[in-house]
Amino acid sequence: MLQGVDPHWLASLRAGAKLAPLRPRIPLRAGDAVIGSVEPEVLEHILPLRGAGGAAVLTLADGGTAWEIHGEPTSSLALVAAALRDAGLAHVWRDEQLAVPDAQGRRVATVERAVVRVLGVTTHAVHLVGLSPDHRVWVQQRALDKAHDPGLWDTLMGGMVSAADSVETALVRETWEEAGLVTSGLLHVARGGRVTTRRPSNDGGGAGYVIEHIDWYRAVVPDGMAPVNQDGEVQQFELLDRAALLERLHGNAFTQEAALILCEAL
């Protein structure tokens, strides 16, 4: 645990990562698997939704207490995602598929990233805490045009685990894309732990909900090596001593996820 952290600030940070939905939500199912949750009225905006042959893709079930996806889950969710986009209820479209797990974490399908929050799908991310050999901390400022948390500070790297990735391959890919660093050239790369956030989201006109598991890693960036962004999503990098890091944390200059991870990792 990071020494010198204000305990009241830390308690507030942790409480903010465990927030209930703003409004009631009902399960979203694919067959017997619960794959998310939605505000009951949101999906009514895209009805009727039909697939090949005119078969219904999405219906209310159990007396209106659940939504059910019909047909092959990935194909049907693609139709749902496109309909949500057309209705103005999707976030920024990424053409990136994320895994859709059931309540036990088993993959059931994949879906476009832009709709995971409005559908309450559990997502996975990976972060890298980068240290210098003298124990200072590498941090990045998110680009000012980012869709989420523009301009806030973050860990050296933080990114989503796509449906095509494992956590390990996402770590390698995102570390290069965000920081221009090859993980095999870093020292003492090791998994540190996991944090989970649950909170309302503005996606879908305020009808979104975040459930995200974040696996975080720690590594030492050797002397003579420095991060250089490759994908345009980082404004700048800084190397902070612990006092400067604490001041910035207490000033709420970091994303919630990064603050949680840094407090655990250091």
C-alpha atoms as a PDB file:
ATOM      1  CA  MET A   1       0.000   0.000   0.000  1.00  0.00           C
ATOM      2  CA  LEU A   2       1.291   3.454  -0.937  1.00  0.00           C
ATOM      3  CA  GLN A   3       2.683   5.157   2.151  1.00  0.00           C
ATOM      4  CA  GLY A   4       1.287   8.575   3.032  1.00  0.00           C
ATOM      5  CA  VAL A   5      -2.129   8.137   1.412  1.00  0.00           C
ATOM      6  CA  ASP A   6      -4.899  10.013   3.200  1.00  0.00           C
ATOM      7  CA  PRO A   7      -7.148   7.266   4.640  1.00  0.00           C
ATOM      8  CA  HIS A   8     -10.352   9.271   4.214  1.00  0.00           C
ATOM      9  CA  TRP A   9      -9.530   9.998   0.579  1.00  0.00           C
ATOM     10  CA  LEU A  10      -8.731   6.326   0.010  1.00  0.00           C
ATOM     11  CA  ALA A  11     -11.993   5.200   1.616  1.00  0.00           C
ATOM     12  CA  SER A  12     -13.917   7.570  -0.646  1.00  0.00           C
ATOM     13  CA  LEU A  13     -12.023   6.311  -3.704  1.00  0.00           C
ATOM     14  CA  ARG A  14     -12.827   2.701  -2.886  1.00  0.00           C
ATOM     15  CA  ALA A  15     -16.478   3.487  -2.196  1.00  0.00           C
ATOM     16  CA  GLY A  16     -16.734   5.186  -5.584  1.00  0.00           C
ATOM     17  CA  ALA A  17     -15.646   1.959  -7.249  1.00  0.00           C
ATOM     18  CA  LYS A  18     -18.565   0.036  -5.731  1.00  0.00           C
ATOM     19  CA  LEU A  19     -21.634   2.032  -6.709  1.00  0.00           C
ATOM     20  CA  ALA A  20     -25.044   0.536  -7.392  1.00  0.00           C
ATOM     21  CA  PRO A  21     -26.881   1.358 -10.634  1.00  0.00           C
ATOM     22  CA  LEU A  22     -28.745   4.658 -10.661  1.00  0.00           C
ATOM     23  CA  ARG A  23     -31.962   2.909 -11.674  1.00  0.00           C
ATOM     24  CA  PRO A  24     -33.219  -0.685 -11.574  1.00  0.00           C
ATOM     25  CA  ARG A  25     -31.797  -3.058 -14.193  1.00  0.00           C
ATOM     26  CA  ILE A  26     -33.011  -6.440 -15.385  1.00  0.00           C
ATOM     27  CA  PRO A  27     -30.951  -9.394 -16.642  1.00  0.00           C
ATOM     28  CA  LEU A  28     -29.917  -9.804 -20.258  1.00  0.00           C
ATOM     29  CA  ARG A  29     -29.798 -13.480 -21.205  1.00  0.00           C
ATOM     30  CA  ALA A  30     -28.540 -15.602 -24.062  1.00  0.00           C
ATOM     31  CA  GLY A  31     -30.143 -18.983 -23.563  1.00  0.00           C
ATOM     32  CA  ASP A  32     -29.596 -19.950 -19.940  1.00  0.00           C
ATOM     33  CA  ALA A  33     -26.612 -17.606 -19.524  1.00  0.00           C
ATOM     34  CA  VAL A  34     -26.942 -14.167 -17.930  1.00  0.00           C
ATOM     35  CA  ILE A  35     -24.595 -12.001 -19.996  1.00  0.00           C
ATOM     36  CA  GLY A  36     -25.419  -8.509 -18.753  1.00  0.00           C
ATOM     37  CA  SER A  37     -28.111  -6.197 -17.445  1.00  0.00           C
ATOM     38  CA  VAL A  38     -30.138  -3.343 -18.907  1.00  0.00           C
ATOM     39  CA  GLU A  39     -32.542  -0.670 -17.835  1.00  0.00           C
ATOM     40  CA  PRO A  40     -35.903  -2.203 -18.818  1.00  0.00           C
ATOM     41  CA  GLU A  41     -37.018   0.504 -21.246  1.00  0.00           C
ATOM     42  CA  VAL A  42     -33.760   0.994 -23.151  1.00  0.00           C
ATOM     43  CA  LEU A  43     -34.056  -1.978 -25.467  1.00  0.00           C
ATOM     44  CA  GLU A  44     -37.667  -1.130 -26.270  1.00  0.00           C
ATOM     45  CA  HIS A  45     -36.252   1.647 -28.479  1.00  0.00           C
ATOM     46  CA  ILE A  46     -34.854  -0.934 -30.916  1.00  0.00           C
ATOM     47  CA  LEU A  47     -37.881  -3.230 -31.162  1.00  0.00           C
ATOM     48  CA  PRO A  48     -38.927  -5.022 -33.225  1.00  0.00           C
ATOM     49  CA  LEU A  49     -35.495  -6.461 -34.038  1.00  0.00           C
ATOM     50  CA  ARG A  50     -35.440  -9.367 -36.445  1.00  0.00           C
ATOM     51  CA  GLY A  51     -32.740 -11.488 -37.981  1.00  0.00           C
ATOM     52  CA  ALA A  52     -32.557 -13.674 -41.052  1.00  0.00           C
ATOM     53  CA  GLY A  53     -35.929 -15.075 -41.992  1.00  0.00           C
ATOM     54  CA  GLY A  54     -37.738 -12.567 -39.814  1.00  0.00           C
ATOM     55  CA  ALA A  55     -37.091 -14.366 -36.532  1.00  0.00           C
ATOM     56  CA  ALA A  56     -37.104 -12.174 -33.421  1.00  0.00           C
ATOM     57  CA  VAL A  57     -33.601 -11.495 -32.100  1.00  0.00           C
ATOM     58  CA  LEU A  58     -34.611  -9.795 -28.851  1.00  0.00           C
ATOM     59  CA  THR A  59     -37.674 -10.254 -26.657  1.00  0.00           C
ATOM     60  CA  LEU A  60     -38.851  -9.608 -23.141  1.00  0.00           C
ATOM     61  CA  ALA A  61     -39.035 -12.774 -21.045  1.00  0.00           C
ATOM     62  CA  ASP A  62     -40.299 -13.946 -17.671  1.00  0.00           C
ATOM     63  CA  GLY A  63     -43.199 -11.545 -17.552  1.00  0.00           C
ATOM     64  CA  GLY A  64     -41.076  -8.549 -18.463  1.00  0.00           C
ATOM     65  CA  THR A  65     -38.384  -9.168 -15.833  1.00  0.00           C
ATOM     66  CA  ALA A  66     -35.588 -10.094 -18.270  1.00  0.00           C
ATOM     67  CA  TRP A  67     -34.470  -9.524 -21.855  1.00  0.00           C
ATOM     68  CA  GLU A  68     -33.515 -12.533 -23.949  1.00  0.00           C
ATOM     69  CA  ILE A  69     -31.233 -12.755 -26.991  1.00  0.00           C
ATOM     70  CA  HIS A  70     -32.288 -15.402 -29.529  1.00  0.00           C
ATOM     71  CA  GLY A  71     -30.215 -17.199 -32.137  1.00  0.00           C
ATOM     72  CA  GLU A  72     -26.435 -17.481 -32.314  1.00  0.00           C
ATOM     73  CA  PRO A  73     -25.327 -15.051 -29.560  1.00  0.00           C
ATOM     74  CA  THR A  74     -22.514 -13.207 -31.345  1.00  0.00           C
ATOM     75  CA  SER A  75     -24.536 -12.673 -34.518  1.00  0.00           C
ATOM     76  CA  SER A  76     -27.598 -11.575 -32.579  1.00  0.00           C
ATOM     77  CA  LEU A  77     -25.589  -9.199 -30.393  1.00  0.00           C
ATOM     78  CA  ALA A  78     -24.135  -7.649 -33.556  1.00  0.00           C
ATOM     79  CA  LEU A  79     -27.681  -6.817 -34.649  1.00  0.00           C
ATOM     80  CA  VAL A  80     -28.460  -5.402 -31.202  1.00  0.00           C
ATOM     81  CA  ALA A  81     -25.291  -3.284 -31.294  1.00  0.00           C
ATOM     82  CA  ALA A  82     -26.072  -1.884 -34.739  1.00  0.00           C
ATOM     83  CA  ALA A  83     -29.630  -1.056 -33.685  1.00  0.00           C
ATOM     84  CA  LEU A  84     -28.385   0.705 -30.549  1.00  0.00           C
ATOM     85  CA  ARG A  85     -25.974   2.737 -32.674  1.00  0.00           C
ATOM     86  CA  ASP A  86     -28.769   3.717 -35.061  1.00  0.00           C
ATOM     87  CA  ALA A  87     -30.893   4.758 -32.060  1.00  0.00           C
ATOM     88  CA  GLY A  88     -28.099   6.955 -30.674  1.00  0.00           C
ATOM     89  CA  LEU A  89     -27.614   4.696 -27.664  1.00  0.00           C
ATOM     90  CA  ALA A  90     -24.102   3.415 -28.399  1.00  0.00           C
ATOM     91  CA  HIS A  91     -20.821   5.003 -27.342  1.00  0.00           C
ATOM     92  CA  VAL A  92     -18.051   5.795 -29.828  1.00  0.00           C
ATOM     93  CA  TRP A  93     -17.990   2.944 -32.345  1.00  0.00           C
ATOM     94  CA  ARG A  94     -14.635   1.140 -32.275  1.00  0.00           C
ATOM     95  CA  ASP A  95     -15.056  -1.882 -34.561  1.00  0.00           C
ATOM     96  CA  GLU A  96     -13.521  -3.812 -31.668  1.00  0.00           C
ATOM     97  CA  GLN A  97     -15.037  -6.977 -30.296  1.00  0.00           C
ATOM     98  CA  LEU A  98     -14.974  -7.694 -26.560  1.00  0.00           C
ATOM     99  CA  ALA A  99     -15.694 -11.024 -24.921  1.00  0.00           C
ATOM    100  CA  VAL A 100     -19.166 -11.470 -23.406  1.00  0.00           C
ATOM    101  CA  PRO A 101     -18.911 -13.726 -20.336  1.00  0.00           C
ATOM    102  CA  ASP A 102     -21.618 -15.398 -18.301  1.00  0.00           C
ATOM    103  CA  ALA A 103     -21.902 -15.014 -14.530  1.00  0.00           C
ATOM    104  CA  GLN A 104     -19.144 -17.617 -14.059  1.00  0.00           C
ATOM    105  CA  GLY A 105     -16.750 -15.832 -16.408  1.00  0.00           C
ATOM    106  CA  ARG A 106     -17.123 -18.274 -19.305  1.00  0.00           C
ATOM    107  CA  ARG A 107     -17.180 -16.707 -22.764  1.00  0.00           C
ATOM    108  CA  VAL A 108     -20.599 -16.917 -24.403  1.00  0.00           C
ATOM    109  CA  ALA A 109     -20.161 -14.499 -27.315  1.00  0.00           C
ATOM    110  CA  THR A 110     -18.430 -11.314 -28.443  1.00  0.00           C
ATOM    111  CA  VAL A 111     -19.873  -7.843 -28.988  1.00  0.00           C
ATOM    112  CA  GLU A 112     -18.876  -4.380 -30.223  1.00  0.00           C
ATOM    113  CA  ARG A 113     -17.142  -2.390 -27.498  1.00  0.00           C
ATOM    114  CA  ALA A 114     -19.418   0.632 -27.994  1.00  0.00           C
ATOM    115  CA  VAL A 115     -22.406  -1.108 -26.396  1.00  0.00           C
ATOM    116  CA  VAL A 116     -20.935  -3.053 -23.476  1.00  0.00           C
ATOM    117  CA  ARG A 117     -21.924  -0.445 -20.877  1.00  0.00           C
ATOM    118  CA  VAL A 118     -25.527  -0.004 -21.967  1.00  0.00           C
ATOM    119  CA  LEU A 119     -25.838  -3.818 -21.993  1.00  0.00           C
ATOM    120  CA  GLY A 120     -24.084  -4.159 -18.622  1.00  0.00           C
ATOM    121  CA  VAL A 121     -21.564  -6.651 -20.017  1.00  0.00           C
ATOM    122  CA  THR A 122     -18.612  -7.439 -17.740  1.00  0.00           C
ATOM    123  CA  THR A 123     -15.326  -6.337 -19.328  1.00  0.00           C
ATOM    124  CA  HIS A 124     -11.652  -6.941 -18.659  1.00  0.00           C
ATOM    125  CA  ALA A 125      -8.747  -4.497 -18.804  1.00  0.00           C
ATOM    126  CA  VAL A 126      -5.026  -4.584 -18.109  1.00  0.00           C
ATOM    127  CA  HIS A 127      -2.745  -1.920 -16.604  1.00  0.00           C
ATOM    128  CA  LEU A 128       1.008  -1.629 -16.195  1.00  0.00           C
ATOM    129  CA  VAL A 129       2.604   0.234 -13.299  1.00  0.00           C
ATOM    130  CA  GLY A 130       6.011   1.360 -14.530  1.00  0.00           C
ATOM    131  CA  LEU A 131       8.818   2.142 -12.110  1.00  0.00           C
ATOM    132  CA  SER A 132      12.276   3.569 -12.674  1.00  0.00           C
ATOM    133  CA  PRO A 133      15.289   1.825 -11.099  1.00  0.00           C
ATOM    134  CA  ASP A 134      15.306   4.527  -8.382  1.00  0.00           C
ATOM    135  CA  HIS A 135      11.616   3.800  -7.576  1.00  0.00           C
ATOM    136  CA  ARG A 136      10.033   6.808  -9.225  1.00  0.00           C
ATOM    137  CA  VAL A 137       6.782   6.152 -11.082  1.00  0.00           C
ATOM    138  CA  TRP A 138       6.044   6.555 -14.785  1.00  0.00           C
ATOM    139  CA  VAL A 139       2.569   7.975 -15.453  1.00  0.00           C
ATOM    140  CA  GLN A 140       0.736   9.120 -18.561  1.00  0.00           C
ATOM    141  CA  GLN A 141      -1.736  11.898 -19.185  1.00  0.00           C
ATOM    142  CA  ARG A 142      -4.619  10.708 -21.314  1.00  0.00           C
ATOM    143  CA  ALA A 143      -5.116  12.536 -24.603  1.00  0.00           C
ATOM    144  CA  LEU A 144      -7.420  15.529 -24.416  1.00  0.00           C
ATOM    145  CA  ASP A 145      -9.707  14.043 -27.074  1.00  0.00           C
ATOM    146  CA  LYS A 146     -10.210  10.665 -25.366  1.00  0.00           C
ATOM    147  CA  ALA A 147     -13.859   9.623 -25.115  1.00  0.00           C
ATOM    148  CA  HIS A 148     -13.470   8.731 -21.434  1.00  0.00           C
ATOM    149  CA  ASP A 149     -11.548  10.744 -18.813  1.00  0.00           C
ATOM    150  CA  PRO A 150      -9.740  13.083 -21.245  1.00  0.00           C
ATOM    151  CA  GLY A 151      -6.732  14.811 -19.723  1.00  0.00           C
ATOM    152  CA  LEU A 152      -6.693  12.778 -16.525  1.00  0.00           C
ATOM    153  CA  TRP A 153      -3.565  10.949 -15.418  1.00  0.00           C
ATOM    154  CA  ASP A 154      -3.185   7.198 -15.667  1.00  0.00           C
ATOM    155  CA  THR A 155      -0.755   4.369 -15.086  1.00  0.00           C
ATOM    156  CA  LEU A 156       2.055   3.909 -17.602  1.00  0.00           C
ATOM    157  CA  MET A 157      -0.351   1.802 -19.669  1.00  0.00           C
ATOM    158  CA  GLY A 158      -4.015   0.927 -19.382  1.00  0.00           C
ATOM    159  CA  GLY A 159      -6.107  -0.776 -22.009  1.00  0.00           C
ATOM    160  CA  MET A 160      -9.003  -3.086 -22.720  1.00  0.00           C
ATOM    161  CA  VAL A 161      -8.555  -6.814 -23.227  1.00  0.00           C
ATOM    162  CA  SER A 162     -10.196  -7.464 -26.595  1.00  0.00           C
ATOM    163  CA  ALA A 163     -11.931 -10.672 -27.590  1.00  0.00           C
ATOM    164  CA  ALA A 164      -8.848 -11.580 -29.637  1.00  0.00           C
ATOM    165  CA  ASP A 165      -6.511 -11.172 -26.650  1.00  0.00           C
ATOM    166  CA  SER A 166      -5.519 -12.941 -23.503  1.00  0.00           C
ATOM    167  CA  VAL A 167      -4.529 -10.687 -20.615  1.00  0.00           C
ATOM    168  CA  GLU A 168      -0.887 -11.416 -21.437  1.00  0.00           C
ATOM    169  CA  THR A 169      -1.155 -10.575 -25.140  1.00  0.00           C
ATOM    170  CA  ALA A 170      -3.140  -7.430 -24.316  1.00  0.00           C
ATOM    171  CA  LEU A 171      -0.347  -6.390 -21.940  1.00  0.00           C
ATOM    172  CA  VAL A 172       2.224  -6.731 -24.719  1.00  0.00           C
ATOM    173  CA  ARG A 173       0.090  -5.016 -27.369  1.00  0.00           C
ATOM    174  CA  GLU A 174      -1.127  -2.108 -25.242  1.00  0.00           C
ATOM    175  CA  THR A 175       2.326  -1.456 -23.755  1.00  0.00           C
ATOM    176  CA  TRP A 176       3.667  -0.979 -27.264  1.00  0.00           C
ATOM    177  CA  GLU A 177       0.700   1.046 -28.560  1.00  0.00           C
ATOM    178  CA  GLU A 178       0.468   3.405 -25.594  1.00  0.00           C
ATOM    179  CA  ALA A 179       4.083   3.609 -24.449  1.00  0.00           C
ATOM    180  CA  GLY A 180       6.241   2.331 -27.311  1.00  0.00           C
ATOM    181  CA  LEU A 181       7.839  -0.187 -24.970  1.00  0.00           C
ATOM    182  CA  VAL A 182       8.479  -3.870 -25.649  1.00  0.00           C
ATOM    183  CA  THR A 183       7.642  -5.842 -22.518  1.00  0.00           C
ATOM    184  CA  SER A 184      10.560  -8.230 -23.072  1.00  0.00           C
ATOM    185  CA  GLY A 185      12.874  -5.245 -22.651  1.00  0.00           C
ATOM    186  CA  LEU A 186      11.424  -4.308 -19.257  1.00  0.00           C
ATOM    187  CA  LEU A 187      12.701  -5.671 -15.956  1.00  0.00           C
ATOM    188  CA  HIS A 188      10.851  -7.713 -13.339  1.00  0.00           C
ATOM    189  CA  VAL A 189       7.531  -7.837 -15.198  1.00  0.00           C
ATOM    190  CA  ALA A 190       5.047  -9.498 -12.843  1.00  0.00           C
ATOM    191  CA  ARG A 191       1.334  -9.606 -12.237  1.00  0.00           C
ATOM    192  CA  GLY A 192       0.422  -7.608  -9.147  1.00  0.00           C
ATOM    193  CA  GLY A 193      -3.282  -8.220  -8.628  1.00  0.00           C
ATOM    194  CA  ARG A 194      -6.781  -7.344  -9.719  1.00  0.00           C
ATOM    195  CA  VAL A 195      -9.193  -4.529  -8.957  1.00  0.00           C
ATOM    196  CA  THR A 196     -12.866  -4.540  -9.893  1.00  0.00           C
ATOM    197  CA  THR A 197     -15.018  -1.476 -10.451  1.00  0.00           C
ATOM    198  CA  ARG A 198     -18.811  -1.282 -10.477  1.00  0.00           C
ATOM    199  CA  ARG A 199     -20.438   2.051 -11.194  1.00  0.00           C
ATOM    200  CA  PRO A 200     -22.985   3.862 -13.371  1.00  0.00           C
ATOM    201  CA  SER A 201     -21.916   5.027 -16.827  1.00  0.00           C
ATOM    202  CA  ASN A 202     -23.108   7.854 -19.073  1.00  0.00           C
ATOM    203  CA  ASP A 203     -23.269   5.506 -22.061  1.00  0.00           C
ATOM    204  CA  GLY A 204     -26.697   5.018 -23.598  1.00  0.00           C
ATOM    205  CA  GLY A 205     -27.889   8.413 -22.442  1.00  0.00           C
ATOM    206  CA  GLY A 206     -26.996   7.608 -18.839  1.00  0.00           C
ATOM    207  CA  ALA A 207     -28.345   4.055 -18.971  1.00  0.00           C
ATOM    208  CA  GLY A 208     -24.965   2.328 -18.833  1.00  0.00           C
ATOM    209  CA  TYR A 209     -23.350   0.371 -16.038  1.00  0.00           C
ATOM    210  CA  VAL A 210     -19.688  -0.584 -15.657  1.00  0.00           C
ATOM    211  CA  ILE A 211     -18.519  -3.911 -14.297  1.00  0.00           C
ATOM    212  CA  GLU A 212     -14.830  -4.257 -15.085  1.00  0.00           C
ATOM    213  CA  HIS A 213     -12.066  -6.542 -13.832  1.00  0.00           C
ATOM    214  CA  ILE A 214      -8.619  -4.965 -14.183  1.00  0.00           C
ATOM    215  CA  ASP A 215      -5.512  -7.130 -13.950  1.00  0.00           C
ATOM    216  CA  TRP A 216      -2.493  -4.995 -13.158  1.00  0.00           C
ATOM    217  CA  TYR A 217       1.183  -5.668 -13.651  1.00  0.00           C
ATOM    218  CA  ARG A 218       4.330  -4.043 -12.358  1.00  0.00           C
ATOM    219  CA  ALA A 219       7.640  -3.592 -14.195  1.00  0.00           C
ATOM    220  CA  VAL A 220      10.843  -1.577 -14.069  1.00  0.00           C
ATOM    221  CA  VAL A 221      11.679   0.616 -17.064  1.00  0.00           C
ATOM    222  CA  PRO A 222      15.493   0.495 -17.380  1.00  0.00           C
ATOM    223  CA  ASP A 223      17.604   3.643 -17.308  1.00  0.00           C
ATOM    224  CA  GLY A 224      18.024   5.031 -20.803  1.00  0.00           C
ATOM    225  CA  MET A 225      14.575   3.861 -21.858  1.00  0.00           C
ATOM    226  CA  ALA A 226      11.512   6.121 -21.871  1.00  0.00           C
ATOM    227  CA  PRO A 227       7.920   5.718 -23.052  1.00  0.00           C
ATOM    228  CA  VAL A 228       6.888   7.219 -26.392  1.00  0.00           C
ATOM    229  CA  ASN A 229       3.241   7.027 -27.423  1.00  0.00           C
ATOM    230  CA  GLN A 230       2.421   5.257 -30.691  1.00  0.00           C
ATOM    231  CA  ASP A 231      -1.368   5.511 -31.077  1.00  0.00           C
ATOM    232  CA  GLY A 232      -2.192   9.157 -30.364  1.00  0.00           C
ATOM    233  CA  GLU A 233      -4.087   8.367 -27.160  1.00  0.00           C
ATOM    234  CA  VAL A 234      -1.539   9.832 -24.727  1.00  0.00           C
ATOM    235  CA  GLN A 235      -0.898  13.535 -24.171  1.00  0.00           C
ATOM    236  CA  GLN A 236       2.397  13.147 -22.315  1.00  0.00           C
ATOM    237  CA  PHE A 237       4.388  10.993 -19.892  1.00  0.00           C
ATOM    238  CA  GLU A 238       5.994  12.064 -16.621  1.00  0.00           C
ATOM    239  CA  LEU A 239       8.306  10.387 -14.134  1.00  0.00           C
ATOM    240  CA  LEU A 240       7.152  11.299 -10.620  1.00  0.00           C
ATOM    241  CA  ASP A 241       8.660  10.823  -7.204  1.00  0.00           C
ATOM    242  CA  ARG A 242       6.343   9.518  -4.506  1.00  0.00           C
ATOM    243  CA  ALA A 243       5.602  12.957  -3.027  1.00  0.00           C
ATOM    244  CA  ALA A 244       4.532  14.380  -6.395  1.00  0.00           C
ATOM    245  CA  LEU A 245       2.476  11.269  -7.092  1.00  0.00           C
ATOM    246  CA  LEU A 246       0.662  11.568  -3.766  1.00  0.00           C
ATOM    247  CA  GLU A 247      -0.110  15.235  -4.361  1.00  0.00           C
ATOM    248  CA  ARG A 248      -1.579  14.452  -7.760  1.00  0.00           C
ATOM    249  CA  LEU A 249      -3.573  11.502  -6.399  1.00  0.00           C
ATOM    250  CA  HIS A 250      -5.050  13.551  -3.560  1.00  0.00           C
ATOM    251  CA  GLY A 251      -5.959  16.237  -6.099  1.00  0.00           C
ATOM    252  CA  ASN A 252      -8.055  13.664  -7.985  1.00  0.00           C
ATOM    253  CA  ALA A 253      -5.975  14.138 -11.109  1.00  0.00           C
ATOM    254  CA  PHE A 254      -5.947  10.394 -11.870  1.00  0.00           C
ATOM    255  CA  THR A 255      -8.649   8.157 -13.249  1.00  0.00           C
ATOM    256  CA  GLN A 256     -10.437   6.118 -10.630  1.00  0.00           C
ATOM    257  CA  GLU A 257      -8.920   2.878 -11.923  1.00  0.00           C
ATOM    258  CA  ALA A 258      -5.379   4.221 -11.987  1.00  0.00           C
ATOM    259  CA  ALA A 259      -5.687   5.655  -8.477  1.00  0.00           C
ATOM    260  CA  LEU A 260      -6.933   2.331  -7.114  1.00  0.00           C
ATOM    261  CA  ILE A 261      -4.121   0.428  -8.796  1.00  0.00           C
ATOM    262  CA  LEU A 262      -1.350   2.831  -7.783  1.00  0.00           C
ATOM    263  CA  CYS A 263      -2.476   2.739  -4.162  1.00  0.00           C
ATOM    264  CA  GLU A 264      -2.263  -1.055  -4.227  1.00  0.00           C
ATOM    265  CA  ALA A 265       0.929  -1.349  -6.237  1.00  0.00           C
ATOM    266  CA  LEU A 266       3.274   1.087  -4.484  1.00  0.00           C
END
